[in-house]
Amino acid sequence: MTDSYDIKAISEEALVFIEQYSISKTPIHYTVAFEFAKGENQNLVEFIDQAIFKQQPINSALLEVAYKKFISITDDEVIHTVQEKLNTIVTDI
């Protein structure tokens, strides 16, 4: 199976980002770093790019805010969509 992006390269870039800013390697921090390296979540990329540009500290707190604002909200939206579709299916039965 071939993806449109190289997972190994993105993973390595995410780890470099975490190490560059001496951020602890937690699942949330790694997820944010991976998504930033992947570059598809434009709002997340802009948020982190702006923090870097403004020379704000790139730390655990910033990554946790980024996770809550740009990643976990996506998960909630997916769950909501699935719930709505399941409700429709159950109603049709």
N, C-alpha and C. Protein backbone atom coordinates (compact mmCIF):
# COMPACT_ATOMS: atom_id res chain seq x y z
N MET A 1 0.85 -1.19 0.00
CA MET A 1 0.00 0.00 0.00
C MET A 1 0.89 1.25 0.00
N THR A 2 0.58 2.17 -0.86
CA THR A 2 1.37 3.40 -0.98
C THR A 2 0.49 4.59 -0.64
N ASP A 3 0.98 5.41 0.29
CA ASP A 3 0.27 6.63 0.64
C ASP A 3 0.81 7.78 -0.18
N SER A 4 0.07 8.88 -0.22
CA SER A 4 0.51 10.04 -0.98
C SER A 4 1.63 10.78 -0.26
N TYR A 5 1.96 10.36 0.92
CA TYR A 5 3.06 10.96 1.66
C TYR A 5 3.88 9.86 2.32
N ASP A 6 5.10 10.16 2.67
CA ASP A 6 6.03 9.21 3.24
C ASP A 6 5.95 9.26 4.76
N ILE A 7 5.30 8.28 5.35
CA ILE A 7 5.07 8.27 6.80
C ILE A 7 6.39 8.28 7.57
N LYS A 8 7.37 7.52 7.10
CA LYS A 8 8.66 7.47 7.79
C LYS A 8 9.32 8.85 7.81
N ALA A 9 9.33 9.53 6.68
CA ALA A 9 9.94 10.85 6.59
C ALA A 9 9.20 11.85 7.49
N ILE A 10 7.88 11.78 7.49
CA ILE A 10 7.08 12.69 8.33
C ILE A 10 7.35 12.40 9.80
N SER A 11 7.42 11.12 10.16
CA SER A 11 7.71 10.73 11.55
C SER A 11 9.07 11.27 12.00
N GLU A 12 10.05 11.13 11.12
CA GLU A 12 11.39 11.63 11.44
C GLU A 12 11.38 13.14 11.60
N GLU A 13 10.67 13.83 10.73
CA GLU A 13 10.57 15.29 10.82
C GLU A 13 9.87 15.71 12.11
N ALA A 14 8.84 14.96 12.50
CA ALA A 14 8.12 15.25 13.75
C ALA A 14 9.05 15.09 14.95
N LEU A 15 9.85 14.05 14.95
CA LEU A 15 10.79 13.83 16.06
C LEU A 15 11.86 14.92 16.11
N VAL A 16 12.33 15.35 14.95
CA VAL A 16 13.31 16.45 14.90
C VAL A 16 12.69 17.71 15.51
N PHE A 17 11.44 18.00 15.15
CA PHE A 17 10.73 19.16 15.69
C PHE A 17 10.65 19.08 17.22
N ILE A 18 10.25 17.91 17.74
CA ILE A 18 10.12 17.72 19.19
C ILE A 18 11.47 17.91 19.87
N GLU A 19 12.51 17.32 19.29
CA GLU A 19 13.84 17.43 19.89
C GLU A 19 14.41 18.84 19.78
N GLN A 20 14.14 19.51 18.66
CA GLN A 20 14.63 20.87 18.44
C GLN A 20 14.15 21.81 19.54
N TYR A 21 12.90 21.62 19.97
CA TYR A 21 12.31 22.49 20.98
C TYR A 21 12.29 21.85 22.37
N SER A 22 12.97 20.72 22.53
CA SER A 22 13.07 20.02 23.83
C SER A 22 11.71 19.77 24.46
N ILE A 23 10.80 19.27 23.65
CA ILE A 23 9.44 18.98 24.10
C ILE A 23 9.36 17.51 24.49
N SER A 24 8.64 17.21 25.57
CA SER A 24 8.52 15.82 26.00
C SER A 24 7.77 15.01 24.94
N LYS A 25 8.16 13.76 24.81
CA LYS A 25 7.60 12.89 23.76
C LYS A 25 6.37 12.16 24.28
N THR A 26 5.25 12.89 24.29
CA THR A 26 3.97 12.29 24.68
C THR A 26 3.15 12.05 23.42
N PRO A 27 2.12 11.20 23.51
CA PRO A 27 1.28 10.97 22.32
C PRO A 27 0.68 12.26 21.75
N ILE A 28 0.22 13.15 22.61
CA ILE A 28 -0.39 14.40 22.12
C ILE A 28 0.66 15.26 21.42
N HIS A 29 1.82 15.41 22.03
CA HIS A 29 2.87 16.23 21.43
C HIS A 29 3.33 15.64 20.10
N TYR A 30 3.48 14.31 20.08
CA TYR A 30 3.90 13.66 18.84
C TYR A 30 2.83 13.83 17.76
N THR A 31 1.57 13.70 18.13
CA THR A 31 0.48 13.86 17.16
C THR A 31 0.51 15.25 16.54
N VAL A 32 0.68 16.27 17.37
CA VAL A 32 0.74 17.64 16.85
C VAL A 32 1.95 17.81 15.94
N ALA A 33 3.10 17.31 16.38
CA ALA A 33 4.32 17.44 15.57
C ALA A 33 4.17 16.69 14.25
N PHE A 34 3.55 15.51 14.28
CA PHE A 34 3.34 14.73 13.06
C PHE A 34 2.42 15.47 12.10
N GLU A 35 1.31 15.98 12.61
CA GLU A 35 0.36 16.72 11.78
C GLU A 35 1.00 17.99 11.21
N PHE A 36 1.82 18.65 12.01
CA PHE A 36 2.53 19.85 11.54
C PHE A 36 3.49 19.46 10.41
N ALA A 37 4.23 18.38 10.61
CA ALA A 37 5.19 17.93 9.58
C ALA A 37 4.46 17.48 8.32
N LYS A 38 3.30 16.85 8.49
CA LYS A 38 2.53 16.39 7.33
C LYS A 38 2.02 17.58 6.52
N GLY A 39 1.63 18.65 7.20
CA GLY A 39 1.27 19.90 6.54
C GLY A 39 -0.13 19.98 5.95
N GLU A 40 -0.99 19.01 6.20
CA GLU A 40 -2.33 19.03 5.62
C GLU A 40 -3.34 19.84 6.44
N ASN A 41 -3.12 19.94 7.74
CA ASN A 41 -4.02 20.69 8.61
C ASN A 41 -3.55 22.15 8.59
N GLN A 42 -4.06 22.91 7.64
CA GLN A 42 -3.57 24.26 7.38
C GLN A 42 -3.69 25.17 8.60
N ASN A 43 -4.78 25.05 9.36
CA ASN A 43 -4.95 25.90 10.54
C ASN A 43 -3.87 25.60 11.58
N LEU A 44 -3.56 24.33 11.77
CA LEU A 44 -2.51 23.94 12.71
C LEU A 44 -1.15 24.47 12.24
N VAL A 45 -0.86 24.29 10.97
CA VAL A 45 0.42 24.76 10.42
C VAL A 45 0.56 26.27 10.60
N GLU A 46 -0.48 27.01 10.29
CA GLU A 46 -0.44 28.47 10.44
C GLU A 46 -0.26 28.88 11.90
N PHE A 47 -0.93 28.17 12.81
CA PHE A 47 -0.82 28.45 14.25
C PHE A 47 0.63 28.30 14.72
N ILE A 48 1.25 27.18 14.36
CA ILE A 48 2.62 26.94 14.80
C ILE A 48 3.60 27.86 14.06
N ASP A 49 3.39 28.06 12.77
CA ASP A 49 4.25 28.97 12.02
C ASP A 49 4.21 30.39 12.61
N GLN A 50 3.02 30.84 13.00
CA GLN A 50 2.89 32.17 13.60
C GLN A 50 3.62 32.24 14.94
N ALA A 51 3.51 31.18 15.73
CA ALA A 51 4.21 31.15 17.02
C ALA A 51 5.73 31.22 16.80
N ILE A 52 6.21 30.49 15.82
CA ILE A 52 7.65 30.52 15.50
C ILE A 52 8.04 31.92 15.02
N PHE A 53 7.24 32.48 14.12
CA PHE A 53 7.53 33.81 13.57
C PHE A 53 7.57 34.88 14.67
N LYS A 54 6.63 34.77 15.62
CA LYS A 54 6.55 35.74 16.71
C LYS A 54 7.53 35.42 17.84
N GLN A 55 8.32 34.38 17.66
CA GLN A 55 9.30 33.91 18.64
C GLN A 55 8.67 33.58 19.98
N GLN A 56 7.46 33.03 19.92
CA GLN A 56 6.81 32.55 21.13
C GLN A 56 7.44 31.21 21.51
N PRO A 57 7.40 30.86 22.77
CA PRO A 57 7.97 29.58 23.17
C PRO A 57 7.21 28.41 22.51
N ILE A 58 7.96 27.53 21.88
CA ILE A 58 7.37 26.31 21.32
C ILE A 58 7.59 25.25 22.39
N ASN A 59 6.54 24.96 23.14
CA ASN A 59 6.67 24.07 24.29
C ASN A 59 5.44 23.19 24.42
N SER A 60 5.40 22.42 25.50
CA SER A 60 4.29 21.49 25.74
C SER A 60 2.95 22.21 25.78
N ALA A 61 2.92 23.35 26.44
CA ALA A 61 1.66 24.10 26.57
C ALA A 61 1.13 24.51 25.19
N LEU A 62 2.01 25.01 24.33
CA LEU A 62 1.59 25.43 22.99
C LEU A 62 1.06 24.24 22.20
N LEU A 63 1.76 23.10 22.28
CA LEU A 63 1.31 21.92 21.54
C LEU A 63 -0.01 21.38 22.07
N GLU A 64 -0.23 21.48 23.36
CA GLU A 64 -1.51 21.03 23.93
C GLU A 64 -2.66 21.94 23.49
N VAL A 65 -2.41 23.24 23.42
CA VAL A 65 -3.42 24.17 22.90
C VAL A 65 -3.70 23.84 21.44
N ALA A 66 -2.65 23.62 20.67
CA ALA A 66 -2.81 23.29 19.25
C ALA A 66 -3.62 22.01 19.09
N TYR A 67 -3.35 21.02 19.92
CA TYR A 67 -4.10 19.75 19.86
C TYR A 67 -5.59 19.98 20.11
N LYS A 68 -5.88 20.74 21.15
CA LYS A 68 -7.29 21.00 21.50
C LYS A 68 -8.00 21.82 20.42
N LYS A 69 -7.30 22.80 19.84
CA LYS A 69 -7.93 23.69 18.86
C LYS A 69 -8.06 23.07 17.47
N PHE A 70 -7.07 22.26 17.07
CA PHE A 70 -7.01 21.85 15.67
C PHE A 70 -7.05 20.35 15.41
N ILE A 71 -6.91 19.53 16.45
CA ILE A 71 -6.92 18.09 16.22
C ILE A 71 -8.08 17.42 16.94
N SER A 72 -8.23 17.65 18.23
CA SER A 72 -9.31 16.97 18.96
C SER A 72 -10.68 17.42 18.47
N ILE A 73 -10.80 18.66 18.03
CA ILE A 73 -12.07 19.14 17.48
C ILE A 73 -12.44 18.34 16.23
N THR A 74 -11.45 17.98 15.45
CA THR A 74 -11.69 17.16 14.27
C THR A 74 -12.24 15.80 14.67
N ASP A 75 -11.66 15.22 15.71
CA ASP A 75 -12.14 13.94 16.21
C ASP A 75 -13.61 14.04 16.66
N ASP A 76 -13.94 15.12 17.35
CA ASP A 76 -15.31 15.33 17.81
C ASP A 76 -16.27 15.46 16.62
N GLU A 77 -15.83 16.15 15.59
CA GLU A 77 -16.67 16.31 14.40
C GLU A 77 -16.92 14.96 13.72
N VAL A 78 -15.90 14.14 13.64
CA VAL A 78 -16.05 12.82 13.04
C VAL A 78 -17.02 11.98 13.85
N ILE A 79 -16.87 12.00 15.16
CA ILE A 79 -17.78 11.24 16.02
C ILE A 79 -19.21 11.71 15.84
N HIS A 80 -19.42 13.01 15.78
CA HIS A 80 -20.76 13.56 15.60
C HIS A 80 -21.36 13.11 14.26
N THR A 81 -20.57 13.15 13.21
CA THR A 81 -21.05 12.73 11.88
C THR A 81 -21.43 11.27 11.88
N VAL A 82 -20.61 10.44 12.50
CA VAL A 82 -20.90 9.00 12.56
C VAL A 82 -22.17 8.76 13.37
N GLN A 83 -22.33 9.47 14.47
CA GLN A 83 -23.55 9.32 15.28
C GLN A 83 -24.79 9.68 14.48
N GLU A 84 -24.73 10.78 13.73
CA GLU A 84 -25.87 11.18 12.91
C GLU A 84 -26.21 10.11 11.87
N LYS A 85 -25.21 9.56 11.22
CA LYS A 85 -25.45 8.54 10.21
C LYS A 85 -26.02 7.28 10.83
N LEU A 86 -25.51 6.90 12.00
CA LEU A 86 -26.05 5.72 12.69
C LEU A 86 -27.51 5.95 13.09
N ASN A 87 -27.82 7.14 13.57
CA ASN A 87 -29.21 7.45 13.92
C ASN A 87 -30.12 7.34 12.69
N THR A 88 -29.66 7.79 11.54
CA THR A 88 -30.43 7.70 10.31
C THR A 88 -30.66 6.25 9.93
N ILE A 89 -29.62 5.44 10.05
CA ILE A 89 -29.74 4.01 9.70
C ILE A 89 -30.73 3.31 10.64
N VAL A 90 -30.60 3.58 11.93
CA VAL A 90 -31.49 2.95 12.91
C VAL A 90 -32.92 3.39 12.67
N THR A 91 -33.14 4.65 12.36
CA THR A 91 -34.48 5.17 12.10
C THR A 91 -35.08 4.49 10.86
N ASP A 92 -34.26 4.25 9.84
CA ASP A 92 -34.73 3.61 8.62
C ASP A 92 -35.08 2.14 8.81
N ILE A 93 -34.53 1.52 9.83
CA ILE A 93 -34.80 0.09 10.07
C ILE A 93 -36.10 -0.05 10.75
